[in-house]
């Protein structure tokens, strides 16, 4: 790619998360003690953007948050993690997205209880064309607004790529595969896709999507690793997950996205990038929360070296 000011531009609105670690959820009207808790920034695209920044990329976030204390906390969190917030707007008098994330140790499970904010949407008139075109990769989580389509058009005009975190199987995503270059989907997306189109293997699902536009298609499957296809000949690959003593998987998929983009910017092949991203996600799972649990590039490389990779 031509030299750019930014490596990655995330287009997504920040959450504020409260992470609560329990042995298990209590029965009704029973008071139990937490193992641990922490407040930190959240949201799939913002978290992926922070992960890429922690791993050494030049990153920026674009979106809207409320003008409340959580919105201001988001600004501080991004700045601490070296993410440019010059195009993150705070909507005065409005509330930021908020989520309580419960991590259950006994079942290695998690629950999310969220309340969307009431801020306005980012509009095309808010966009800075030159700033968007200065990025190598635009990372998004949906195609729900005209501003997302405009940003995708501009990034492509400038020779950049569009990456998506396809967490859920929705029309705004599956009707717009042609806009996407790097398509990384969750197991939830895969299962819903099979319900809608008929049962297929993960490889068949990846080839179906690849034929409709994206040059890289990956499904992340939790403990079952990841698999996908890439390139003009749709080369298939499959990688197992790393085994770790996990305490919280919150944000692991988001970290995978940010780490994959970081690896590609660093010049790794697609399969090397998946291995690197799996490493970052595995390390994160050994720590509470997504932001606080993010590993550095040095930690990822040490993890791989310990395993002879």
C-alpha atoms as a PDB file:
ATOM      1  CA  UNK A   1       0.000   0.000   0.000  1.00  0.00           C
ATOM      2  CA  UNK A   2       1.072   3.616  -0.518  1.00  0.00           C
ATOM      3  CA  UNK A   3       2.425   5.421   2.538  1.00  0.00           C
ATOM      4  CA  UNK A   4      -0.416   6.647   4.728  1.00  0.00           C
ATOM      5  CA  UNK A   5      -0.746   8.773   7.848  1.00  0.00           C
ATOM      6  CA  UNK A   6      -2.783   6.067   9.604  1.00  0.00           C
ATOM      7  CA  UNK A   7      -2.515   2.290   9.595  1.00  0.00           C
ATOM      8  CA  UNK A   8      -6.030   1.678  10.888  1.00  0.00           C
ATOM      9  CA  UNK A   9      -9.156   3.804  11.276  1.00  0.00           C
ATOM     10  CA  UNK A  10     -11.926   2.341  13.404  1.00  0.00           C
ATOM     11  CA  UNK A  11     -15.451   3.538  12.616  1.00  0.00           C
ATOM     12  CA  UNK A  12     -17.603   2.607  15.599  1.00  0.00           C
ATOM     13  CA  UNK A  13     -19.102   4.112  18.745  1.00  0.00           C
ATOM     14  CA  UNK A  14     -17.477   3.444  22.129  1.00  0.00           C
ATOM     15  CA  UNK A  15     -19.079   1.646  25.050  1.00  0.00           C
ATOM     16  CA  UNK A  16     -18.252   1.937  28.711  1.00  0.00           C
ATOM     17  CA  UNK A  17     -18.069  -1.538  30.255  1.00  0.00           C
ATOM     18  CA  UNK A  18     -18.343  -2.764  33.822  1.00  0.00           C
ATOM     19  CA  UNK A  19     -16.693  -6.204  33.953  1.00  0.00           C
ATOM     20  CA  UNK A  20     -17.805  -8.395  36.870  1.00  0.00           C
ATOM     21  CA  UNK A  21     -16.069 -11.711  37.593  1.00  0.00           C
ATOM     22  CA  UNK A  22     -18.099 -14.321  39.494  1.00  0.00           C
ATOM     23  CA  UNK A  23     -17.772 -18.008  40.260  1.00  0.00           C
ATOM     24  CA  UNK A  24     -21.348 -18.323  38.991  1.00  0.00           C
ATOM     25  CA  UNK A  25     -24.543 -16.262  38.817  1.00  0.00           C
ATOM     26  CA  UNK A  26     -26.402 -16.229  42.155  1.00  0.00           C
ATOM     27  CA  UNK A  27     -29.988 -17.392  42.735  1.00  0.00           C
ATOM     28  CA  UNK A  28     -32.673 -14.717  43.099  1.00  0.00           C
ATOM     29  CA  UNK A  29     -32.402 -12.588  46.271  1.00  0.00           C
ATOM     30  CA  UNK A  30     -28.987 -13.998  47.216  1.00  0.00           C
ATOM     31  CA  UNK A  31     -26.013 -11.695  47.867  1.00  0.00           C
ATOM     32  CA  UNK A  32     -22.633 -13.092  46.797  1.00  0.00           C
ATOM     33  CA  UNK A  33     -19.124 -11.667  46.587  1.00  0.00           C
ATOM     34  CA  UNK A  34     -17.458 -10.854  43.297  1.00  0.00           C
ATOM     35  CA  UNK A  35     -14.074 -12.321  42.466  1.00  0.00           C
ATOM     36  CA  UNK A  36     -13.116  -9.057  40.784  1.00  0.00           C
ATOM     37  CA  UNK A  37     -14.441  -6.115  38.774  1.00  0.00           C
ATOM     38  CA  UNK A  38     -13.197  -3.274  36.612  1.00  0.00           C
ATOM     39  CA  UNK A  39     -14.468  -0.363  34.537  1.00  0.00           C
ATOM     40  CA  UNK A  40     -12.994   0.019  31.059  1.00  0.00           C
ATOM     41  CA  UNK A  41     -13.788   1.081  27.515  1.00  0.00           C
ATOM     42  CA  UNK A  42     -15.658  -1.340  25.271  1.00  0.00           C
ATOM     43  CA  UNK A  43     -17.365  -1.817  21.925  1.00  0.00           C
ATOM     44  CA  UNK A  44     -16.199  -4.210  19.219  1.00  0.00           C
ATOM     45  CA  UNK A  45     -14.650  -1.726  16.781  1.00  0.00           C
ATOM     46  CA  UNK A  46     -13.177   0.582  19.458  1.00  0.00           C
ATOM     47  CA  UNK A  47     -11.638  -2.394  21.263  1.00  0.00           C
ATOM     48  CA  UNK A  48     -10.132  -3.769  18.049  1.00  0.00           C
ATOM     49  CA  UNK A  49      -8.717  -0.316  17.329  1.00  0.00           C
ATOM     50  CA  UNK A  50      -7.141  -0.088  20.766  1.00  0.00           C
ATOM     51  CA  UNK A  51      -5.695  -3.591  20.350  1.00  0.00           C
ATOM     52  CA  UNK A  52      -4.039  -2.558  17.096  1.00  0.00           C
ATOM     53  CA  UNK A  53      -2.689   0.570  18.773  1.00  0.00           C
ATOM     54  CA  UNK A  54      -1.239  -1.415  21.684  1.00  0.00           C
ATOM     55  CA  UNK A  55       0.414  -3.696  19.106  1.00  0.00           C
ATOM     56  CA  UNK A  56       2.158  -0.731  17.511  1.00  0.00           C
ATOM     57  CA  UNK A  57      -0.126   0.581  14.748  1.00  0.00           C
ATOM     58  CA  UNK A  58      -0.950   4.225  14.093  1.00  0.00           C
ATOM     59  CA  UNK A  59      -4.672   4.211  14.861  1.00  0.00           C
ATOM     60  CA  UNK A  60      -7.643   6.556  15.073  1.00  0.00           C
ATOM     61  CA  UNK A  61     -11.268   6.147  16.105  1.00  0.00           C
ATOM     62  CA  UNK A  62     -14.244   7.793  14.410  1.00  0.00           C
ATOM     63  CA  UNK A  63     -17.753   7.816  15.856  1.00  0.00           C
ATOM     64  CA  UNK A  64     -20.020   9.403  18.464  1.00  0.00           C
ATOM     65  CA  UNK A  65     -20.338   9.056  22.239  1.00  0.00           C
ATOM     66  CA  UNK A  66     -22.466  10.881  24.776  1.00  0.00           C
ATOM     67  CA  UNK A  67     -21.235  14.028  26.463  1.00  0.00           C
ATOM     68  CA  UNK A  68     -21.517  12.300  29.857  1.00  0.00           C
ATOM     69  CA  UNK A  69     -18.672  11.156  32.091  1.00  0.00           C
ATOM     70  CA  UNK A  70     -18.440   7.854  30.172  1.00  0.00           C
ATOM     71  CA  UNK A  71     -17.924   9.743  26.920  1.00  0.00           C
ATOM     72  CA  UNK A  72     -15.108  11.746  28.470  1.00  0.00           C
ATOM     73  CA  UNK A  73     -13.693   8.561  29.986  1.00  0.00           C
ATOM     74  CA  UNK A  74     -13.621   7.076  26.482  1.00  0.00           C
ATOM     75  CA  UNK A  75     -11.508   9.974  25.242  1.00  0.00           C
ATOM     76  CA  UNK A  76      -9.016   9.410  28.051  1.00  0.00           C
ATOM     77  CA  UNK A  77      -8.918   5.659  27.464  1.00  0.00           C
ATOM     78  CA  UNK A  78      -8.182   6.045  23.755  1.00  0.00           C
ATOM     79  CA  UNK A  79      -5.510   8.680  24.414  1.00  0.00           C
ATOM     80  CA  UNK A  80      -3.846   6.395  26.985  1.00  0.00           C
ATOM     81  CA  UNK A  81      -3.717   3.642  24.343  1.00  0.00           C
ATOM     82  CA  UNK A  82      -2.278   5.923  21.632  1.00  0.00           C
ATOM     83  CA  UNK A  83      -5.481   6.138  19.549  1.00  0.00           C
ATOM     84  CA  UNK A  84      -6.230   9.464  17.801  1.00  0.00           C
ATOM     85  CA  UNK A  85      -9.629  10.840  18.916  1.00  0.00           C
ATOM     86  CA  UNK A  86      -9.708  13.972  16.743  1.00  0.00           C
ATOM     87  CA  UNK A  87     -12.741  12.570  14.872  1.00  0.00           C
ATOM     88  CA  UNK A  88     -14.634  11.111  17.832  1.00  0.00           C
ATOM     89  CA  UNK A  89     -17.562  13.412  18.609  1.00  0.00           C
ATOM     90  CA  UNK A  90     -19.215  13.882  22.008  1.00  0.00           C
ATOM     91  CA  UNK A  91     -22.935  14.702  21.821  1.00  0.00           C
ATOM     92  CA  UNK A  92     -23.715  17.191  24.638  1.00  0.00           C
ATOM     93  CA  UNK A  93     -26.385  16.122  27.115  1.00  0.00           C
ATOM     94  CA  UNK A  94     -26.549  12.568  25.749  1.00  0.00           C
ATOM     95  CA  UNK A  95     -25.507   9.235  27.229  1.00  0.00           C
ATOM     96  CA  UNK A  96     -22.809   6.830  26.070  1.00  0.00           C
ATOM     97  CA  UNK A  97     -23.471   3.123  25.421  1.00  0.00           C
ATOM     98  CA  UNK A  98     -23.093   1.148  28.663  1.00  0.00           C
ATOM     99  CA  UNK A  99     -22.704  -2.586  29.244  1.00  0.00           C
ATOM    100  CA  UNK A 100     -22.383  -4.850  32.277  1.00  0.00           C
ATOM    101  CA  UNK A 101     -20.293  -7.896  31.292  1.00  0.00           C
ATOM    102  CA  UNK A 102     -20.538 -10.859  33.679  1.00  0.00           C
ATOM    103  CA  UNK A 103     -17.823 -13.508  33.529  1.00  0.00           C
ATOM    104  CA  UNK A 104     -18.694 -16.880  35.145  1.00  0.00           C
ATOM    105  CA  UNK A 105     -15.603 -18.904  36.063  1.00  0.00           C
ATOM    106  CA  UNK A 106     -17.324 -22.258  36.728  1.00  0.00           C
ATOM    107  CA  UNK A 107     -18.754 -22.545  33.221  1.00  0.00           C
ATOM    108  CA  UNK A 108     -16.272 -20.294  31.414  1.00  0.00           C
ATOM    109  CA  UNK A 109     -19.309 -18.319  30.261  1.00  0.00           C
ATOM    110  CA  UNK A 110     -20.293 -14.683  29.942  1.00  0.00           C
ATOM    111  CA  UNK A 111     -23.434 -12.578  29.867  1.00  0.00           C
ATOM    112  CA  UNK A 112     -23.949  -9.040  28.598  1.00  0.00           C
ATOM    113  CA  UNK A 113     -26.533  -6.567  29.930  1.00  0.00           C
ATOM    114  CA  UNK A 114     -26.433  -3.400  27.848  1.00  0.00           C
ATOM    115  CA  UNK A 115     -28.123  -0.029  27.526  1.00  0.00           C
ATOM    116  CA  UNK A 116     -27.629   1.853  24.227  1.00  0.00           C
ATOM    117  CA  UNK A 117     -26.834   5.548  24.454  1.00  0.00           C
ATOM    118  CA  UNK A 118     -29.111   8.257  23.082  1.00  0.00           C
ATOM    119  CA  UNK A 119     -26.529  10.222  21.079  1.00  0.00           C
ATOM    120  CA  UNK A 120     -27.012  11.073  17.420  1.00  0.00           C
ATOM    121  CA  UNK A 121     -25.570   9.076  14.535  1.00  0.00           C
ATOM    122  CA  UNK A 122     -22.473  10.196  12.654  1.00  0.00           C
ATOM    123  CA  UNK A 123     -23.591  11.660   9.323  1.00  0.00           C
ATOM    124  CA  UNK A 124     -21.856  12.064   5.964  1.00  0.00           C
ATOM    125  CA  UNK A 125     -21.569  15.801   6.651  1.00  0.00           C
ATOM    126  CA  UNK A 126     -19.465  14.974   9.732  1.00  0.00           C
ATOM    127  CA  UNK A 127     -16.905  12.986   7.743  1.00  0.00           C
ATOM    128  CA  UNK A 128     -13.447  14.266   6.825  1.00  0.00           C
ATOM    129  CA  UNK A 129     -12.653  12.778   3.426  1.00  0.00           C
ATOM    130  CA  UNK A 130      -8.923  13.503   3.568  1.00  0.00           C
ATOM    131  CA  UNK A 131      -8.628  11.987   7.048  1.00  0.00           C
ATOM    132  CA  UNK A 132     -10.441   8.799   6.002  1.00  0.00           C
ATOM    133  CA  UNK A 133      -8.332   8.456   2.869  1.00  0.00           C
ATOM    134  CA  UNK A 134      -5.196   8.774   5.000  1.00  0.00           C
ATOM    135  CA  UNK A 135      -5.789   5.285   6.483  1.00  0.00           C
ATOM    136  CA  UNK A 136      -4.639   1.953   5.090  1.00  0.00           C
ATOM    137  CA  UNK A 137      -7.525  -0.012   6.616  1.00  0.00           C
ATOM    138  CA  UNK A 138     -11.023   1.088   7.661  1.00  0.00           C
ATOM    139  CA  UNK A 139     -12.447  -1.242  10.313  1.00  0.00           C
ATOM    140  CA  UNK A 140     -16.220  -1.362  10.860  1.00  0.00           C
ATOM    141  CA  UNK A 141     -18.781  -3.520  12.643  1.00  0.00           C
ATOM    142  CA  UNK A 142     -21.871  -2.871  10.533  1.00  0.00           C
ATOM    143  CA  UNK A 143     -23.169  -1.184   7.365  1.00  0.00           C
ATOM    144  CA  UNK A 144     -26.165   0.504   8.992  1.00  0.00           C
ATOM    145  CA  UNK A 145     -25.642   4.153   8.040  1.00  0.00           C
ATOM    146  CA  UNK A 146     -24.950   6.102   4.828  1.00  0.00           C
ATOM    147  CA  UNK A 147     -21.789   7.409   6.470  1.00  0.00           C
ATOM    148  CA  UNK A 148     -20.337   3.865   6.576  1.00  0.00           C
ATOM    149  CA  UNK A 149     -20.894   3.395   2.853  1.00  0.00           C
ATOM    150  CA  UNK A 150     -19.346   6.766   2.074  1.00  0.00           C
ATOM    151  CA  UNK A 151     -16.305   6.011   4.214  1.00  0.00           C
ATOM    152  CA  UNK A 152     -15.910   2.629   2.483  1.00  0.00           C
ATOM    153  CA  UNK A 153     -16.080   4.270  -0.938  1.00  0.00           C
ATOM    154  CA  UNK A 154     -13.459   6.858   0.016  1.00  0.00           C
ATOM    155  CA  UNK A 155     -11.056   4.304   1.498  1.00  0.00           C
ATOM    156  CA  UNK A 156     -11.276   2.231  -1.678  1.00  0.00           C
ATOM    157  CA  UNK A 157     -10.750   5.294  -3.889  1.00  0.00           C
ATOM    158  CA  UNK A 158      -7.513   5.894  -1.982  1.00  0.00           C
ATOM    159  CA  UNK A 159      -6.308   2.318  -2.414  1.00  0.00           C
ATOM    160  CA  UNK A 160      -7.150   1.169   1.117  1.00  0.00           C
ATOM    161  CA  UNK A 161      -9.067  -1.824   2.473  1.00  0.00           C
ATOM    162  CA  UNK A 162     -12.272  -2.290   4.461  1.00  0.00           C
ATOM    163  CA  UNK A 163     -12.324  -4.808   7.300  1.00  0.00           C
ATOM    164  CA  UNK A 164     -15.455  -5.877   9.159  1.00  0.00           C
ATOM    165  CA  UNK A 165     -16.227  -7.562  12.460  1.00  0.00           C
ATOM    166  CA  UNK A 166     -19.263  -9.599  11.372  1.00  0.00           C
ATOM    167  CA  UNK A 167     -20.537 -10.576  14.796  1.00  0.00           C
ATOM    168  CA  UNK A 168     -24.154 -11.110  13.732  1.00  0.00           C
ATOM    169  CA  UNK A 169     -25.798 -12.315  10.520  1.00  0.00           C
ATOM    170  CA  UNK A 170     -27.786  -9.272   9.387  1.00  0.00           C
ATOM    171  CA  UNK A 171     -28.947  -7.855   6.032  1.00  0.00           C
ATOM    172  CA  UNK A 172     -26.751  -4.786   6.318  1.00  0.00           C
ATOM    173  CA  UNK A 173     -23.773  -7.144   6.218  1.00  0.00           C
ATOM    174  CA  UNK A 174     -24.744 -10.062   3.962  1.00  0.00           C
ATOM    175  CA  UNK A 175     -26.271  -7.765   1.362  1.00  0.00           C
ATOM    176  CA  UNK A 176     -23.049  -5.746   1.124  1.00  0.00           C
ATOM    177  CA  UNK A 177     -20.203  -8.292   0.871  1.00  0.00           C
ATOM    178  CA  UNK A 178     -18.929  -6.414  -2.192  1.00  0.00           C
ATOM    179  CA  UNK A 179     -17.851  -3.447  -0.052  1.00  0.00           C
ATOM    180  CA  UNK A 180     -15.632  -5.617   2.153  1.00  0.00           C
ATOM    181  CA  UNK A 181     -12.042  -6.808   1.734  1.00  0.00           C
ATOM    182  CA  UNK A 182     -11.267  -8.488   5.073  1.00  0.00           C
ATOM    183  CA  UNK A 183     -14.273 -10.370   6.421  1.00  0.00           C
ATOM    184  CA  UNK A 184     -13.868 -11.883   9.884  1.00  0.00           C
ATOM    185  CA  UNK A 185     -17.041 -13.405  11.312  1.00  0.00           C
ATOM    186  CA  UNK A 186     -18.010 -15.013  14.593  1.00  0.00           C
ATOM    187  CA  UNK A 187     -19.309 -18.515  15.214  1.00  0.00           C
ATOM    188  CA  UNK A 188     -22.686 -16.874  15.824  1.00  0.00           C
ATOM    189  CA  UNK A 189     -22.632 -15.454  12.287  1.00  0.00           C
ATOM    190  CA  UNK A 190     -21.749 -18.874  10.862  1.00  0.00           C
ATOM    191  CA  UNK A 191     -24.524 -20.676  12.774  1.00  0.00           C
ATOM    192  CA  UNK A 192     -27.137 -18.095  11.750  1.00  0.00           C
ATOM    193  CA  UNK A 193     -25.945 -18.259   8.149  1.00  0.00           C
ATOM    194  CA  UNK A 194     -26.462 -22.038   8.173  1.00  0.00           C
ATOM    195  CA  UNK A 195     -29.969 -21.602   9.601  1.00  0.00           C
ATOM    196  CA  UNK A 196     -30.829 -19.161   6.805  1.00  0.00           C
ATOM    197  CA  UNK A 197     -29.139 -20.848   3.828  1.00  0.00           C
ATOM    198  CA  UNK A 198     -28.949 -24.494   4.867  1.00  0.00           C
ATOM    199  CA  UNK A 199     -26.257 -26.455   6.654  1.00  0.00           C
ATOM    200  CA  UNK A 200     -22.767 -26.101   5.236  1.00  0.00           C
ATOM    201  CA  UNK A 201     -19.262 -26.626   6.486  1.00  0.00           C
ATOM    202  CA  UNK A 202     -17.258 -23.641   7.640  1.00  0.00           C
ATOM    203  CA  UNK A 203     -15.126 -23.978   4.507  1.00  0.00           C
ATOM    204  CA  UNK A 204     -18.223 -23.934   2.298  1.00  0.00           C
ATOM    205  CA  UNK A 205     -19.573 -20.871   4.119  1.00  0.00           C
ATOM    206  CA  UNK A 206     -16.248 -19.078   3.733  1.00  0.00           C
ATOM    207  CA  UNK A 207     -16.126 -19.880   0.006  1.00  0.00           C
ATOM    208  CA  UNK A 208     -19.719 -18.660  -0.417  1.00  0.00           C
ATOM    209  CA  UNK A 209     -18.807 -15.264   1.070  1.00  0.00           C
ATOM    210  CA  UNK A 210     -15.437 -15.083  -0.703  1.00  0.00           C
ATOM    211  CA  UNK A 211     -17.153 -15.528  -4.078  1.00  0.00           C
ATOM    212  CA  UNK A 212     -19.231 -12.426  -3.345  1.00  0.00           C
ATOM    213  CA  UNK A 213     -16.399  -9.975  -2.768  1.00  0.00           C
ATOM    214  CA  UNK A 214     -14.076 -10.203   0.250  1.00  0.00           C
ATOM    215  CA  UNK A 215     -10.536 -11.315  -0.535  1.00  0.00           C
ATOM    216  CA  UNK A 216     -10.032 -12.753   2.971  1.00  0.00           C
ATOM    217  CA  UNK A 217     -12.801 -14.615   4.833  1.00  0.00           C
ATOM    218  CA  UNK A 218     -12.210 -15.980   8.337  1.00  0.00           C
ATOM    219  CA  UNK A 219     -14.525 -17.559  10.897  1.00  0.00           C
ATOM    220  CA  UNK A 220     -13.415 -17.407  14.536  1.00  0.00           C
ATOM    221  CA  UNK A 221     -14.726 -20.452  16.405  1.00  0.00           C
ATOM    222  CA  UNK A 222     -13.619 -19.931  20.010  1.00  0.00           C
ATOM    223  CA  UNK A 223     -11.990 -23.033  21.447  1.00  0.00           C
ATOM    224  CA  UNK A 224     -12.118 -24.628  17.980  1.00  0.00           C
ATOM    225  CA  UNK A 225      -9.721 -22.073  16.514  1.00  0.00           C
ATOM    226  CA  UNK A 226     -10.338 -20.387  13.184  1.00  0.00           C
ATOM    227  CA  UNK A 227     -10.593 -21.267   9.519  1.00  0.00           C
ATOM    228  CA  UNK A 228     -11.188 -19.536   6.238  1.00  0.00           C
ATOM    229  CA  UNK A 229     -10.145 -18.857   2.661  1.00  0.00           C
ATOM    230  CA  UNK A 230      -8.169 -16.147   0.904  1.00  0.00           C
ATOM    231  CA  UNK A 231      -6.687 -15.051  -2.402  1.00  0.00           C
ATOM    232  CA  UNK A 232      -7.722 -15.420  -6.035  1.00  0.00           C
ATOM    233  CA  UNK A 233      -7.738 -19.219  -5.739  1.00  0.00           C
ATOM    234  CA  UNK A 234      -9.605 -19.192  -2.392  1.00  0.00           C
ATOM    235  CA  UNK A 235      -6.893 -21.156  -0.586  1.00  0.00           C
ATOM    236  CA  UNK A 236      -8.340 -22.863   2.504  1.00  0.00           C
ATOM    237  CA  UNK A 237      -6.670 -22.942   5.928  1.00  0.00           C
ATOM    238  CA  UNK A 238      -7.530 -24.091   9.441  1.00  0.00           C
ATOM    239  CA  UNK A 239      -5.737 -23.253  12.694  1.00  0.00           C
ATOM    240  CA  UNK A 240      -6.378 -24.648  16.192  1.00  0.00           C
ATOM    241  CA  UNK A 241      -6.839 -22.368  19.196  1.00  0.00           C
ATOM    242  CA  UNK A 242      -4.137 -22.044  21.825  1.00  0.00           C
ATOM    243  CA  UNK A 243      -4.910 -23.715  25.157  1.00  0.00           C
ATOM    244  CA  UNK A 244      -4.687 -21.314  28.102  1.00  0.00           C
ATOM    245  CA  UNK A 245      -6.072 -21.009  31.627  1.00  0.00           C
ATOM    246  CA  UNK A 246      -8.893 -18.664  30.652  1.00  0.00           C
ATOM    247  CA  UNK A 247     -10.669 -16.445  33.182  1.00  0.00           C
ATOM    248  CA  UNK A 248     -12.591 -14.088  30.878  1.00  0.00           C
ATOM    249  CA  UNK A 249     -13.219 -14.233  27.133  1.00  0.00           C
ATOM    250  CA  UNK A 250     -14.874 -10.791  26.960  1.00  0.00           C
ATOM    251  CA  UNK A 251     -13.473  -8.949  23.957  1.00  0.00           C
ATOM    252  CA  UNK A 252     -11.350 -11.844  22.698  1.00  0.00           C
ATOM    253  CA  UNK A 253     -12.891 -11.635  19.234  1.00  0.00           C
ATOM    254  CA  UNK A 254     -12.373  -7.875  19.122  1.00  0.00           C
ATOM    255  CA  UNK A 255      -8.713  -8.312  20.061  1.00  0.00           C
ATOM    256  CA  UNK A 256      -8.404 -10.940  17.317  1.00  0.00           C
ATOM    257  CA  UNK A 257      -9.600  -8.387  14.744  1.00  0.00           C
ATOM    258  CA  UNK A 258      -7.195  -5.693  15.878  1.00  0.00           C
ATOM    259  CA  UNK A 259      -4.289  -8.125  16.073  1.00  0.00           C
ATOM    260  CA  UNK A 260      -5.023  -9.576  12.625  1.00  0.00           C
ATOM    261  CA  UNK A 261      -4.962  -6.099  11.097  1.00  0.00           C
ATOM    262  CA  UNK A 262      -1.760  -5.297  12.988  1.00  0.00           C
ATOM    263  CA  UNK A 263      -0.161  -8.481  11.693  1.00  0.00           C
ATOM    264  CA  UNK A 264      -1.125  -7.717   8.098  1.00  0.00           C
ATOM    265  CA  UNK A 265       0.276  -4.193   8.377  1.00  0.00           C
ATOM    266  CA  UNK A 266       3.485  -5.731   9.771  1.00  0.00           C
ATOM    267  CA  UNK A 267       3.730  -7.818   6.587  1.00  0.00           C
ATOM    268  CA  UNK A 268       2.643 -11.269   7.788  1.00  0.00           C
ATOM    269  CA  UNK A 269       0.885 -13.764   5.540  1.00  0.00           C
ATOM    270  CA  UNK A 270      -2.797 -14.449   6.190  1.00  0.00           C
ATOM    271  CA  UNK A 271      -2.090 -17.654   8.092  1.00  0.00           C
ATOM    272  CA  UNK A 272       0.713 -16.043  10.106  1.00  0.00           C
ATOM    273  CA  UNK A 273      -1.637 -13.153  10.879  1.00  0.00           C
ATOM    274  CA  UNK A 274      -4.284 -15.599  12.136  1.00  0.00           C
ATOM    275  CA  UNK A 275      -1.730 -17.300  14.352  1.00  0.00           C
ATOM    276  CA  UNK A 276      -0.619 -13.931  15.732  1.00  0.00           C
ATOM    277  CA  UNK A 277      -4.228 -12.825  16.278  1.00  0.00           C
ATOM    278  CA  UNK A 278      -5.073 -16.128  17.989  1.00  0.00           C
ATOM    279  CA  UNK A 279      -2.121 -15.535  20.291  1.00  0.00           C
ATOM    280  CA  UNK A 280      -3.321 -12.059  21.242  1.00  0.00           C
ATOM    281  CA  UNK A 281      -6.851 -13.349  21.874  1.00  0.00           C
ATOM    282  CA  UNK A 282      -5.583 -16.282  23.964  1.00  0.00           C
ATOM    283  CA  UNK A 283      -3.439 -14.043  26.171  1.00  0.00           C
ATOM    284  CA  UNK A 284      -6.370 -11.665  26.619  1.00  0.00           C
ATOM    285  CA  UNK A 285      -8.525 -14.566  27.870  1.00  0.00           C
ATOM    286  CA  UNK A 286      -6.140 -15.061  30.796  1.00  0.00           C
ATOM    287  CA  UNK A 287      -6.931 -11.518  32.016  1.00  0.00           C
ATOM    288  CA  UNK A 288     -10.094  -9.741  33.131  1.00  0.00           C
ATOM    289  CA  UNK A 289     -11.657  -7.419  30.556  1.00  0.00           C
ATOM    290  CA  UNK A 290     -10.837  -6.602  26.965  1.00  0.00           C
ATOM    291  CA  UNK A 291      -8.866  -3.361  27.265  1.00  0.00           C
ATOM    292  CA  UNK A 292      -6.947  -4.231  30.432  1.00  0.00           C
ATOM    293  CA  UNK A 293      -6.228  -7.691  29.084  1.00  0.00           C
ATOM    294  CA  UNK A 294      -4.627  -6.668  25.809  1.00  0.00           C
ATOM    295  CA  UNK A 295      -1.111  -8.016  25.228  1.00  0.00           C
ATOM    296  CA  UNK A 296       1.753  -6.131  23.647  1.00  0.00           C
ATOM    297  CA  UNK A 297       3.625  -7.241  20.548  1.00  0.00           C
ATOM    298  CA  UNK A 298       6.512  -8.344  22.797  1.00  0.00           C
ATOM    299  CA  UNK A 299       4.167 -10.547  24.846  1.00  0.00           C
ATOM    300  CA  UNK A 300       2.667 -12.100  21.716  1.00  0.00           C
ATOM    301  CA  UNK A 301       6.079 -12.939  20.281  1.00  0.00           C
ATOM    302  CA  UNK A 302       7.251 -14.388  23.602  1.00  0.00           C
ATOM    303  CA  UNK A 303       4.101 -16.544  23.784  1.00  0.00           C
ATOM    304  CA  UNK A 304       4.764 -17.919  20.298  1.00  0.00           C
ATOM    305  CA  UNK A 305       8.448 -18.499  20.993  1.00  0.00           C
ATOM    306  CA  UNK A 306       7.590 -20.486  24.136  1.00  0.00           C
ATOM    307  CA  UNK A 307       5.507 -22.785  21.916  1.00  0.00           C
ATOM    308  CA  UNK A 308       8.228 -23.151  19.309  1.00  0.00           C
ATOM    309  CA  UNK A 309       6.430 -21.039  16.707  1.00  0.00           C
END
